[in-house]
Amino acid sequence: MTRPLGLRARVTLVTIIVATLAVLVTGGVSLTLVRASSIDQARAQLAAQATLLSRLPAVTSLGDITERVTIALGATQAGIVTASGTVSGPAAQLLPERLIRRAEFGERVSTSVIGPQGVTLVEIRAKRGGGSLVLALPRDTVDQQAQGSLLRIGLALLIGLAVAIIAGAVLARWLAKPLVGVSRTAGRIARGERGIPVEAGGPAEIVAVADALGALDTALASSEARQREFLLSISHELRTPLTALRGYAEAISDGVVGAADLPGVGQVLTAETTRLEHFVTDLLELARLEADDFSITPIDLKLGDLLRSTRDAWLGRSTSLGVDLVVETEEVTLNSDPRRLRQIVDGLVENALRVTPEGSRIRLAGWAAGSQVCIEVRDGGPGLRPEDVEVAFERGVLRERYRDSRPVGTGLGLSIAARLTSRLGGSIRAGTAAAGGAVFTVTLPQR
């Protein structure tokens, strides 16, 4: 596969092409203008000389006229046409019949004729004593006289072309050098290196690209660090129940556990298996949320019915924990996916039950706010600090922060709730109630 040209080669090539086109166009126009100007100037000189000679009484013969014209204009031909129509001299011989008749009558003529010498400039003036004076100058002679000017113009254009090519090469180097550095840095980042300083000069756009690449490097390093921390945390949490399962399995296999201890061991195994299942379920849910084919089926639903059904589902658990679960809601209708919305509320209620002490209350509330619907889950737990609110929906952050001081889950529940809310077109925020406890508010479009 042929490797495409680099930026430096492209800029140089474009500069050469543009400069060449400019030189060709400028040269063509300049040559045309110089040639036309030379012809106009030669005609003006020829006309002035013809007028002057026609007024001199001492100039009567063809020889006198030729001598004076040669001295003044160089390779100019002369001729005389008498009043009777007699033609003499090389210039007069070039005249067609129609011009000879006009010369017989002494008319003033300024024209061009095509003859054996090609295009020739012709000037006719009435001569004292009768007849007409004829001066002729071949246009090839004019072109030859203008060749010096044309050569100088061509040389100037070539010098301009060379300067443009050199300037293009310098510009290409100036543009390409910082981009090459940025490209190399991007390649190192793609290969997994992090914390690479990105230095770039040149135009502001290239500096902006370098700054964006540096920000990307920082963001990737931060994201990968969080992923490593998350994986380490999950690995630790998975290892704990697996160790318990393996230990009891080996004990049963070795006959260490007696028949009387089997019910207790079974309960431990069941609890640890449930814990593992919870981890796996949350991980799978996160994976589904990242997929492009994540399904959402919105329908018109009543918010009050959804919150009350949530309360009924968790009533047994809350009662056993001694926690009062209440619903305070307006009768609002919204268009959303009931299964996904219920999943969000369930996750928030489960999180609230984990931290709410016995004798406290969890409040589910819902209301309309303009074209939006708000759902609030407020618990009676220890609440969140301001620095907790900023990272509440990042995977595993709060879990690592409070795992030794309060009951925690897998560290994935709030992250799942945030992603589900985003998929439904809404937003979620965390806060602390004035009376204590954490407050999570989901805001969704009503339609």
Protein backbone atom coordinates (compact mmCIF):
# COMPACT_ATOMS: atom_id res chain seq x y z
CA MET A 1 0.00 0.00 0.00
CA THR A 2 1.42 3.38 -1.02
CA ARG A 3 2.10 5.66 1.94
CA PRO A 4 0.38 9.06 1.55
CA LEU A 5 2.42 12.24 1.38
CA GLY A 6 3.16 13.95 4.65
CA LEU A 7 2.05 17.47 5.54
CA ARG A 8 5.47 18.94 4.78
CA ALA A 9 5.56 17.42 1.30
CA ARG A 10 1.95 18.43 0.66
CA VAL A 11 2.49 22.06 1.70
CA THR A 12 5.65 22.28 -0.42
CA LEU A 13 3.90 20.70 -3.40
CA VAL A 14 0.88 22.98 -3.09
CA THR A 15 3.16 26.01 -2.81
CA ILE A 16 5.04 24.99 -5.96
CA ILE A 17 1.80 24.41 -7.87
CA VAL A 18 0.27 27.71 -6.75
CA ALA A 19 3.47 29.63 -7.44
CA THR A 20 3.83 28.03 -10.87
CA LEU A 21 0.24 28.84 -11.80
CA ALA A 22 0.71 32.40 -10.55
CA VAL A 23 3.90 32.78 -12.61
CA LEU A 24 2.23 31.35 -15.72
CA VAL A 25 -0.81 33.60 -15.40
CA THR A 26 1.25 36.66 -14.50
CA GLY A 27 3.73 35.89 -17.30
CA GLY A 28 0.99 35.44 -19.87
CA VAL A 29 -0.76 38.66 -18.88
CA SER A 30 2.53 40.58 -18.60
CA LEU A 31 3.78 39.43 -22.00
CA THR A 32 0.50 40.35 -23.62
CA LEU A 33 0.46 43.77 -21.98
CA VAL A 34 4.12 44.47 -22.77
CA ARG A 35 3.63 43.44 -26.40
CA ALA A 36 0.51 45.59 -26.73
CA SER A 37 2.27 48.52 -25.03
CA SER A 38 5.26 48.17 -27.36
CA ILE A 39 3.02 48.19 -30.40
CA ASP A 40 1.10 51.22 -29.15
CA GLN A 41 4.34 53.04 -28.44
CA ALA A 42 5.80 52.13 -31.83
CA ARG A 43 2.62 53.28 -33.56
CA ALA A 44 2.68 56.57 -31.66
CA GLN A 45 6.31 57.17 -32.65
CA LEU A 46 5.61 56.22 -36.26
CA ALA A 47 2.61 58.56 -36.39
CA ALA A 48 4.59 61.42 -34.85
CA GLN A 49 7.45 60.92 -37.32
CA ALA A 50 5.07 60.75 -40.29
CA THR A 51 3.35 63.97 -39.19
CA LEU A 52 6.70 65.73 -38.71
CA LEU A 53 8.14 64.67 -42.08
CA SER A 54 4.98 65.59 -43.93
CA ARG A 55 5.29 69.17 -42.68
CA LEU A 56 8.97 69.70 -43.57
CA PRO A 57 9.30 71.56 -46.89
CA ALA A 58 12.88 70.38 -47.38
CA VAL A 59 11.89 66.73 -47.37
CA THR A 60 10.51 65.94 -50.75
CA SER A 61 12.33 62.94 -52.18
CA LEU A 62 12.03 59.32 -51.13
CA GLY A 63 15.73 59.24 -50.28
CA ASP A 64 15.43 62.14 -47.82
CA ILE A 65 12.45 60.54 -46.17
CA THR A 66 14.17 57.15 -45.85
CA GLU A 67 17.33 58.66 -44.41
CA ARG A 68 15.47 60.65 -41.78
CA VAL A 69 13.16 57.76 -40.81
CA THR A 70 16.07 55.34 -40.49
CA ILE A 71 17.88 57.75 -38.20
CA ALA A 72 14.79 58.33 -36.05
CA LEU A 73 13.08 54.92 -35.95
CA GLY A 74 15.49 52.36 -37.29
CA ALA A 75 14.05 49.62 -39.54
CA THR A 76 11.18 51.71 -40.89
CA GLN A 77 10.15 51.63 -44.54
CA ALA A 78 9.06 54.77 -46.42
CA GLY A 79 7.07 55.43 -49.54
CA ILE A 80 5.35 58.15 -51.56
CA VAL A 81 1.99 58.16 -53.31
CA THR A 82 1.54 61.06 -55.72
CA ALA A 83 -1.73 62.83 -56.36
CA SER A 84 -1.95 61.03 -59.70
CA GLY A 85 -1.75 57.63 -58.00
CA THR A 86 1.90 56.84 -58.70
CA VAL A 87 3.33 54.58 -55.97
CA SER A 88 7.03 54.52 -55.06
CA GLY A 89 9.07 53.13 -52.23
CA PRO A 90 8.80 49.80 -50.29
CA ALA A 91 6.23 51.16 -47.83
CA ALA A 92 3.92 52.37 -50.59
CA GLN A 93 4.16 48.97 -52.27
CA LEU A 94 2.52 47.38 -49.22
CA LEU A 95 -0.66 49.45 -49.58
CA PRO A 96 -3.80 47.77 -50.86
CA GLU A 97 -5.83 49.53 -53.55
CA ARG A 98 -8.28 51.09 -51.10
CA LEU A 99 -5.45 52.78 -49.13
CA ILE A 100 -3.74 54.02 -52.31
CA ARG A 101 -6.93 55.85 -53.29
CA ARG A 102 -7.15 57.41 -49.82
CA ALA A 103 -3.48 58.42 -50.09
CA GLU A 104 -4.12 60.07 -53.50
CA PHE A 105 -6.59 62.39 -51.84
CA GLY A 106 -4.17 63.13 -48.96
CA GLU A 107 -6.21 61.52 -46.19
CA ARG A 108 -4.70 60.90 -42.77
CA VAL A 109 -4.55 57.12 -42.20
CA SER A 110 -3.33 55.07 -39.20
CA THR A 111 -3.82 51.32 -39.67
CA SER A 112 -2.27 47.88 -39.99
CA VAL A 113 -1.98 45.79 -43.12
CA ILE A 114 -1.05 42.19 -43.76
CA GLY A 115 1.55 41.69 -46.43
CA PRO A 116 4.67 39.67 -47.27
CA GLN A 117 6.30 40.79 -44.02
CA GLY A 118 3.31 39.87 -41.93
CA VAL A 119 1.40 42.46 -39.97
CA THR A 120 2.78 45.95 -40.65
CA LEU A 121 1.93 49.25 -38.97
CA VAL A 122 1.13 51.94 -41.59
CA GLU A 123 0.87 55.71 -41.23
CA ILE A 124 -0.17 57.96 -44.18
CA ARG A 125 0.05 61.76 -44.12
CA ALA A 126 -0.60 64.41 -46.79
CA LYS A 127 2.70 65.87 -48.09
CA ARG A 128 3.33 69.45 -48.96
CA GLY A 129 3.18 69.95 -52.68
CA GLY A 130 0.62 67.18 -53.14
CA GLY A 131 0.53 63.44 -52.70
CA SER A 132 1.08 61.53 -49.45
CA LEU A 133 3.91 60.32 -47.32
CA VAL A 134 3.77 56.62 -46.26
CA LEU A 135 5.70 55.10 -43.31
CA ALA A 136 5.54 51.37 -42.50
CA LEU A 137 7.00 49.38 -39.61
CA PRO A 138 6.74 45.55 -39.47
CA ARG A 139 5.28 44.36 -36.16
CA ASP A 140 7.97 41.66 -35.96
CA THR A 141 10.50 44.48 -35.66
CA VAL A 142 8.52 45.89 -32.73
CA ASP A 143 8.41 42.45 -31.10
CA GLN A 144 12.17 42.07 -31.48
CA GLN A 145 12.70 45.45 -29.84
CA ALA A 146 10.47 44.36 -26.92
CA GLN A 147 12.30 41.06 -26.38
CA GLY A 148 14.69 42.64 -23.90
CA SER A 149 11.83 43.76 -21.69
CA LEU A 150 10.14 40.38 -22.04
CA LEU A 151 13.32 38.58 -21.01
CA ARG A 152 13.70 40.77 -17.94
CA ILE A 153 10.08 40.12 -16.97
CA GLY A 154 10.59 36.38 -17.43
CA LEU A 155 13.73 36.48 -15.27
CA ALA A 156 11.85 38.37 -12.54
CA LEU A 157 9.05 35.79 -12.63
CA LEU A 158 11.53 32.91 -12.33
CA ILE A 159 13.17 34.60 -9.37
CA GLY A 160 9.71 35.04 -7.80
CA LEU A 161 8.96 31.35 -8.41
CA ALA A 162 12.20 30.31 -6.73
CA VAL A 163 11.52 32.55 -3.75
CA ALA A 164 7.97 31.13 -3.46
CA ILE A 165 9.27 27.55 -3.51
CA ILE A 166 11.86 28.33 -0.81
CA ALA A 167 9.23 30.12 1.29
CA GLY A 168 6.85 27.17 0.84
CA ALA A 169 9.51 24.73 2.00
CA VAL A 170 10.24 26.87 5.07
CA LEU A 171 6.51 27.20 5.81
CA ALA A 172 6.02 23.45 5.40
CA ARG A 173 8.84 22.76 7.84
CA TRP A 174 7.42 25.28 10.31
CA LEU A 175 3.97 23.67 10.13
CA ALA A 176 5.07 20.05 10.01
CA LYS A 177 7.67 20.06 12.79
CA PRO A 178 5.24 20.59 15.72
CA LEU A 179 2.68 18.26 14.12
CA VAL A 180 5.30 15.53 13.83
CA GLY A 181 6.00 15.94 17.54
CA VAL A 182 2.31 15.80 18.38
CA SER A 183 1.90 12.73 16.15
CA ARG A 184 4.74 10.92 17.90
CA THR A 185 3.28 11.77 21.29
CA ALA A 186 -0.14 10.50 20.18
CA GLY A 187 1.48 7.25 19.06
CA ARG A 188 3.13 6.80 22.44
CA ILE A 189 -0.20 7.44 24.18
CA ALA A 190 -1.88 4.90 21.87
CA ARG A 191 0.78 2.35 22.86
CA GLY A 192 -0.15 2.79 26.52
CA GLU A 193 2.37 5.35 27.78
CA ARG A 194 0.96 7.99 30.11
CA GLY A 195 2.15 11.26 31.61
CA ILE A 196 3.97 12.29 28.43
CA PRO A 197 4.70 16.04 28.15
CA VAL A 198 3.22 17.47 24.95
CA GLU A 199 5.20 20.40 23.58
CA ALA A 200 4.17 22.10 20.36
CA GLY A 201 4.79 25.47 18.77
CA GLY A 202 3.61 26.84 15.47
CA PRO A 203 0.11 28.14 14.76
CA ALA A 204 -2.53 28.47 17.46
CA GLU A 205 -4.50 25.55 15.99
CA ILE A 206 -1.56 23.16 16.43
CA VAL A 207 -1.04 24.41 19.99
CA ALA A 208 -4.74 23.75 20.64
CA VAL A 209 -4.36 20.18 19.30
CA ALA A 210 -1.35 19.64 21.55
CA ASP A 211 -3.27 20.96 24.58
CA ALA A 212 -6.21 18.68 23.76
CA LEU A 213 -3.84 15.72 23.45
CA GLY A 214 -2.33 16.56 26.83
CA ALA A 215 -5.81 16.75 28.36
CA LEU A 216 -6.66 13.40 26.77
CA ASP A 217 -3.50 11.87 28.22
CA THR A 218 -4.45 13.14 31.68
CA ALA A 219 -8.03 11.91 31.33
CA LEU A 220 -6.89 8.47 30.14
CA ALA A 221 -4.44 8.17 33.02
CA SER A 222 -7.16 9.13 35.50
CA SER A 223 -9.70 6.79 33.93
CA GLU A 224 -7.29 3.87 33.83
CA ALA A 225 -6.31 4.50 37.44
CA ARG A 226 -9.97 4.41 38.48
CA GLN A 227 -10.48 1.22 36.47
CA ARG A 228 -7.49 -0.41 38.16
CA GLU A 229 -8.76 0.62 41.57
CA PHE A 230 -12.21 -0.67 40.70
CA LEU A 231 -10.88 -4.00 39.45
CA LEU A 232 -8.69 -4.38 42.53
CA SER A 233 -11.68 -3.65 44.72
CA ILE A 234 -13.91 -6.10 42.86
CA SER A 235 -11.17 -8.74 42.92
CA HIS A 236 -10.85 -8.32 46.67
CA GLU A 237 -14.60 -8.56 47.19
CA LEU A 238 -14.87 -11.63 44.97
CA ARG A 239 -11.95 -13.31 46.70
CA THR A 240 -13.57 -13.05 50.14
CA PRO A 241 -16.73 -15.09 49.42
CA LEU A 242 -14.77 -17.45 47.17
CA THR A 243 -12.35 -18.12 50.03
CA ALA A 244 -15.28 -18.87 52.35
CA LEU A 245 -16.91 -21.15 49.79
CA ARG A 246 -13.69 -23.01 49.14
CA GLY A 247 -12.90 -23.34 52.84
CA TYR A 248 -16.29 -24.82 53.70
CA ALA A 249 -16.21 -27.04 50.62
CA GLU A 250 -12.83 -28.45 51.66
CA ALA A 251 -14.06 -28.88 55.22
CA ILE A 252 -17.12 -30.80 54.05
CA SER A 253 -14.95 -32.85 51.68
CA ASP A 254 -12.52 -33.71 54.48
CA GLY A 255 -15.35 -34.63 56.84
CA VAL A 256 -14.48 -31.87 59.29
CA VAL A 257 -18.05 -30.48 59.28
CA GLY A 258 -20.42 -32.69 61.15
CA ALA A 259 -24.08 -33.29 60.42
CA ALA A 260 -25.14 -30.93 63.16
CA ASP A 261 -23.14 -28.07 61.62
CA LEU A 262 -24.44 -28.51 58.08
CA PRO A 263 -27.47 -26.16 58.39
CA GLY A 264 -25.24 -23.32 59.63
CA VAL A 265 -22.65 -23.97 56.94
CA GLY A 266 -25.41 -24.04 54.35
CA GLN A 267 -26.62 -20.62 55.46
CA VAL A 268 -23.11 -19.20 55.16
CA LEU A 269 -22.68 -20.73 51.72
CA THR A 270 -26.05 -19.35 50.64
CA ALA A 271 -25.18 -15.86 51.90
CA GLU A 272 -21.80 -15.85 50.19
CA THR A 273 -23.29 -17.20 46.97
CA THR A 274 -25.94 -14.44 47.05
CA ARG A 275 -23.16 -11.91 47.53
CA LEU A 276 -21.30 -13.24 44.52
CA GLU A 277 -24.49 -13.22 42.48
CA HIS A 278 -25.05 -9.58 43.41
CA PHE A 279 -21.58 -8.64 42.18
CA VAL A 280 -22.01 -10.48 38.90
CA THR A 281 -25.48 -8.99 38.32
CA ASP A 282 -24.21 -5.45 38.85
CA LEU A 283 -21.23 -6.01 36.56
CA LEU A 284 -23.46 -7.40 33.82
CA GLU A 285 -25.85 -4.47 34.20
CA LEU A 286 -22.99 -2.01 33.76
CA ALA A 287 -21.90 -3.86 30.64
CA ARG A 288 -25.43 -3.70 29.20
CA LEU A 289 -25.65 0.03 29.89
CA GLU A 290 -22.51 0.58 27.78
CA ALA A 291 -23.95 -1.39 24.84
CA ASP A 292 -25.47 0.43 21.85
CA ASP A 293 -28.46 -1.91 21.72
CA PHE A 294 -29.60 -1.16 25.28
CA SER A 295 -33.38 -1.34 24.98
CA ILE A 296 -35.78 1.32 26.28
CA THR A 297 -39.55 1.00 25.83
CA PRO A 298 -41.31 4.17 27.01
CA ILE A 299 -45.03 4.16 27.80
CA ASP A 300 -47.40 6.44 29.69
CA LEU A 301 -47.27 5.49 33.36
CA LYS A 302 -48.50 6.89 36.68
CA LEU A 303 -45.71 7.91 39.01
CA GLY A 304 -47.78 7.27 42.15
CA ASP A 305 -48.49 3.67 41.16
CA LEU A 306 -44.80 3.04 40.45
CA LEU A 307 -43.63 4.44 43.81
CA ARG A 308 -46.31 2.57 45.76
CA SER A 309 -45.45 -0.71 44.05
CA THR A 310 -41.79 -0.07 44.94
CA ARG A 311 -42.75 0.47 48.57
CA ASP A 312 -44.81 -2.74 48.60
CA ALA A 313 -41.91 -4.71 47.13
CA TRP A 314 -39.47 -3.49 49.82
CA LEU A 315 -41.93 -3.40 52.71
CA GLY A 316 -40.98 -6.82 54.03
CA ARG A 317 -37.28 -5.96 54.06
CA SER A 318 -37.82 -2.54 55.65
CA THR A 319 -40.12 -3.98 58.32
CA SER A 320 -37.57 -6.62 59.27
CA LEU A 321 -34.96 -3.87 59.64
CA GLY A 322 -37.29 -1.67 61.66
CA VAL A 323 -37.27 1.08 59.04
CA ASP A 324 -40.43 3.01 58.09
CA LEU A 325 -40.84 3.23 54.28
CA VAL A 326 -43.33 5.93 53.27
CA VAL A 327 -44.52 7.35 49.92
CA GLU A 328 -45.48 11.01 49.37
CA THR A 329 -46.33 11.67 45.74
CA GLU A 330 -48.45 13.70 43.38
CA GLU A 331 -50.56 11.86 40.84
CA VAL A 332 -48.35 12.58 37.86
CA THR A 333 -48.30 10.83 34.49
CA LEU A 334 -45.04 10.61 32.55
CA ASN A 335 -43.77 8.84 29.46
CA SER A 336 -40.86 6.54 30.32
CA ASP A 337 -39.76 2.92 30.56
CA PRO A 338 -41.40 1.54 33.75
CA ARG A 339 -38.97 -1.36 34.07
CA ARG A 340 -35.88 0.87 33.84
CA LEU A 341 -37.40 3.52 36.10
CA ARG A 342 -38.29 0.91 38.67
CA GLN A 343 -34.73 -0.38 38.46
CA ILE A 344 -33.43 3.10 39.35
CA VAL A 345 -35.78 3.53 42.31
CA ASP A 346 -35.10 -0.03 43.56
CA GLY A 347 -31.38 0.64 43.53
CA LEU A 348 -31.78 3.86 45.50
CA VAL A 349 -34.11 2.21 48.04
CA GLU A 350 -31.73 -0.71 48.51
CA ASN A 351 -28.88 1.73 49.05
CA ALA A 352 -31.00 3.67 51.59
CA LEU A 353 -32.00 0.53 53.52
CA ARG A 354 -28.35 -0.41 53.87
CA VAL A 355 -27.41 2.76 55.78
CA THR A 356 -30.66 3.68 57.55
CA PRO A 357 -30.66 2.60 61.22
CA GLU A 358 -33.58 0.95 62.98
CA GLY A 359 -36.36 3.36 63.94
CA SER A 360 -35.60 5.80 61.12
CA ARG A 361 -37.57 6.58 57.96
CA ILE A 362 -37.02 6.33 54.22
CA ARG A 363 -39.17 8.69 52.14
CA LEU A 364 -40.15 8.17 48.51
CA ALA A 365 -41.51 11.34 46.94
CA GLY A 366 -42.61 12.36 43.47
CA TRP A 367 -43.86 15.60 41.95
CA ALA A 368 -44.12 17.54 38.71
CA ALA A 369 -41.82 20.51 38.04
CA GLY A 370 -42.89 22.22 34.85
CA SER A 371 -42.25 19.86 31.96
CA GLN A 372 -40.22 17.53 34.20
CA VAL A 373 -40.92 14.96 36.88
CA CYS A 374 -38.82 14.61 40.04
CA ILE A 375 -38.40 11.46 42.13
CA GLU A 376 -36.71 11.73 45.51
CA VAL A 377 -35.36 9.01 47.81
CA ARG A 378 -34.38 10.34 51.24
CA ASP A 379 -32.87 8.06 53.89
CA GLY A 380 -32.23 8.41 57.62
CA GLY A 381 -28.58 7.43 57.51
CA PRO A 382 -25.39 9.36 58.24
CA GLY A 383 -25.70 11.38 55.03
CA LEU A 384 -23.01 12.60 52.65
CA ARG A 385 -20.27 15.15 53.04
CA PRO A 386 -19.81 17.87 50.35
CA GLU A 387 -16.81 16.01 48.93
CA ASP A 388 -18.92 12.83 48.75
CA VAL A 389 -21.57 14.51 46.61
CA GLU A 390 -19.04 15.24 43.86
CA VAL A 391 -18.06 11.57 43.47
CA ALA A 392 -21.26 9.84 44.59
CA PHE A 393 -21.92 8.24 41.18
CA GLU A 394 -18.35 7.16 40.41
CA ARG A 395 -17.89 3.42 40.65
CA GLY A 396 -16.64 2.20 44.01
CA VAL A 397 -15.45 5.60 45.34
CA LEU A 398 -17.87 5.84 48.27
CA ARG A 399 -17.47 2.14 48.94
CA GLU A 400 -13.71 2.48 49.39
CA ARG A 401 -14.21 5.61 51.48
CA TYR A 402 -16.71 4.10 53.96
CA ARG A 403 -16.13 0.35 53.84
CA ASP A 404 -14.66 0.36 57.36
CA SER A 405 -17.18 2.75 58.95
CA ARG A 406 -20.66 1.96 57.57
CA PRO A 407 -22.48 -0.77 55.64
CA VAL A 408 -21.57 -0.71 51.95
CA GLY A 409 -22.60 -2.64 48.85
CA THR A 410 -20.72 -3.53 45.71
CA GLY A 411 -19.94 0.10 44.89
CA LEU A 412 -21.81 -0.18 41.60
CA GLY A 413 -25.43 0.62 42.51
CA LEU A 414 -25.26 4.43 42.32
CA SER A 415 -23.22 4.28 39.13
CA ILE A 416 -25.87 2.03 37.55
CA ALA A 417 -28.63 4.41 38.69
CA ALA A 418 -26.82 7.38 37.14
CA ARG A 419 -26.28 5.63 33.82
CA LEU A 420 -29.87 4.39 33.67
CA THR A 421 -31.15 7.90 34.36
CA SER A 422 -28.97 9.29 31.59
CA ARG A 423 -30.29 6.65 29.19
CA LEU A 424 -33.84 7.74 30.03
CA GLY A 425 -32.93 11.31 29.14
CA GLY A 426 -32.78 12.62 32.70
CA SER A 427 -30.32 13.50 35.41
CA ILE A 428 -29.64 12.49 39.00
CA ARG A 429 -28.05 14.42 41.83
CA ALA A 430 -27.00 13.63 45.37
CA GLY A 431 -27.23 15.80 48.46
CA THR A 432 -27.74 15.88 52.19
CA ALA A 433 -31.08 16.68 53.83
CA ALA A 434 -31.31 19.47 56.38
CA ALA A 435 -32.46 16.99 59.02
CA GLY A 436 -29.67 14.56 58.12
CA GLY A 437 -29.49 11.63 55.78
CA ALA A 438 -28.70 11.43 52.09
CA VAL A 439 -31.08 12.64 49.37
CA PHE A 440 -31.01 11.37 45.79
CA THR A 441 -33.19 13.21 43.26
CA VAL A 442 -33.95 11.85 39.78
CA THR A 443 -35.24 14.37 37.21
CA LEU A 444 -36.89 13.05 34.03
CA PRO A 445 -38.72 14.66 31.13
CA GLN A 446 -42.49 14.24 31.50
CA ARG A 447 -42.88 13.62 27.75
